[in-house]
Amino acid sequence: MYPITTEKAIGLVELQNTIQFVVDMKATKPEIKKEVEETFSVKVQSVNTYVTPKGEKRAYVKLKKEFKADDIAAKLKMV
């Protein structure tokens, strides 16, 4: 699992408090939520996933309002 650092992904961090990750194809939404919460000590509001035409599974992880996606992005050296 690693973060996506495109311009659009950075915009999501700033505007929607959402971080985008590439995840394992077998990973479920509850597994992704649990992993992000444990790894970064935050609370996740929602997880949305989709599979790209290239065969990658991506997850949009939206954090609860009291947590900042900017902080996680800084830890991951995205910004």
Protein backbone atom coordinates (compact mmCIF):
# COMPACT_ATOMS: atom_id res chain seq x y z
CA MET A 1 0.00 0.00 0.00
CA TYR A 2 1.39 3.37 -0.99
CA PRO A 3 -0.04 6.88 -1.48
CA ILE A 4 -0.75 8.44 -4.84
CA THR A 5 1.04 11.77 -5.32
CA THR A 6 -0.55 13.18 -8.46
CA GLU A 7 -1.74 16.77 -8.59
CA LYS A 8 -5.35 15.63 -8.33
CA ALA A 9 -4.58 13.47 -5.28
CA ILE A 10 -2.87 16.43 -3.55
CA GLY A 11 -5.95 18.54 -4.30
CA LEU A 12 -8.14 15.94 -2.58
CA VAL A 13 -5.93 16.12 0.51
CA GLU A 14 -6.34 19.88 0.70
CA LEU A 15 -9.99 20.26 -0.31
CA GLN A 16 -11.77 17.10 0.86
CA ASN A 17 -9.54 15.76 3.68
CA THR A 18 -9.07 12.59 1.59
CA ILE A 19 -5.95 10.54 0.87
CA GLN A 20 -5.69 8.21 -2.11
CA PHE A 21 -3.76 4.93 -1.84
CA VAL A 22 -2.94 2.02 -4.13
CA VAL A 23 -3.94 -1.12 -2.22
CA ASP A 24 -3.82 -4.89 -2.67
CA MET A 25 -6.53 -6.28 -4.96
CA LYS A 26 -7.75 -8.56 -2.17
CA ALA A 27 -8.03 -5.77 0.44
CA THR A 28 -11.56 -5.02 1.64
CA LYS A 29 -12.88 -1.63 2.76
CA PRO A 30 -12.94 -2.62 6.47
CA GLU A 31 -9.36 -3.91 6.21
CA ILE A 32 -8.20 -0.68 4.54
CA LYS A 33 -9.99 1.42 7.18
CA LYS A 34 -8.45 -0.56 10.06
CA GLU A 35 -4.94 -0.41 8.58
CA VAL A 36 -5.06 3.36 8.01
CA GLU A 37 -6.47 3.99 11.51
CA GLU A 38 -3.79 1.85 13.17
CA THR A 39 -0.89 3.09 11.06
CA PHE A 40 -1.59 6.84 11.35
CA SER A 41 -3.60 7.03 14.64
CA VAL A 42 -6.59 8.69 12.98
CA LYS A 43 -10.30 7.96 12.55
CA VAL A 44 -11.60 7.22 9.05
CA GLN A 45 -15.01 8.49 7.98
CA SER A 46 -15.32 6.47 4.77
CA VAL A 47 -13.42 4.34 2.26
CA ASN A 48 -14.26 4.13 -1.44
CA THR A 49 -12.42 1.79 -3.79
CA TYR A 50 -12.14 1.24 -7.51
CA VAL A 51 -10.02 -0.77 -9.92
CA THR A 52 -8.18 1.14 -12.64
CA PRO A 53 -7.99 -0.05 -16.25
CA LYS A 54 -4.33 -0.89 -15.52
CA GLY A 55 -5.45 -3.41 -12.89
CA GLU A 56 -4.56 -1.41 -9.75
CA LYS A 57 -6.99 -1.13 -6.88
CA ARG A 58 -7.19 2.38 -5.44
CA ALA A 59 -8.78 3.53 -2.22
CA TYR A 60 -10.06 7.00 -1.36
CA VAL A 61 -9.77 7.31 2.43
CA LYS A 62 -11.75 10.24 3.87
CA LEU A 63 -10.77 11.22 7.41
CA LYS A 64 -13.11 12.53 10.10
CA LYS A 65 -13.16 16.31 10.54
CA GLU A 66 -11.07 16.32 13.72
CA PHE A 67 -8.11 14.78 11.83
CA LYS A 68 -6.16 16.49 9.05
CA ALA A 69 -5.15 14.68 5.87
CA ASP A 70 -2.43 17.34 5.50
CA ASP A 71 -0.66 15.90 8.56
CA ILE A 72 -0.61 12.39 7.10
CA ALA A 73 0.47 13.75 3.71
CA ALA A 74 3.40 15.47 5.43
CA LYS A 75 4.36 12.22 7.22
CA LEU A 76 4.29 10.41 3.87
CA LYS A 77 6.30 13.24 2.26
CA MET A 78 3.56 13.84 -0.31
CA VAL A 79 3.65 17.64 0.13
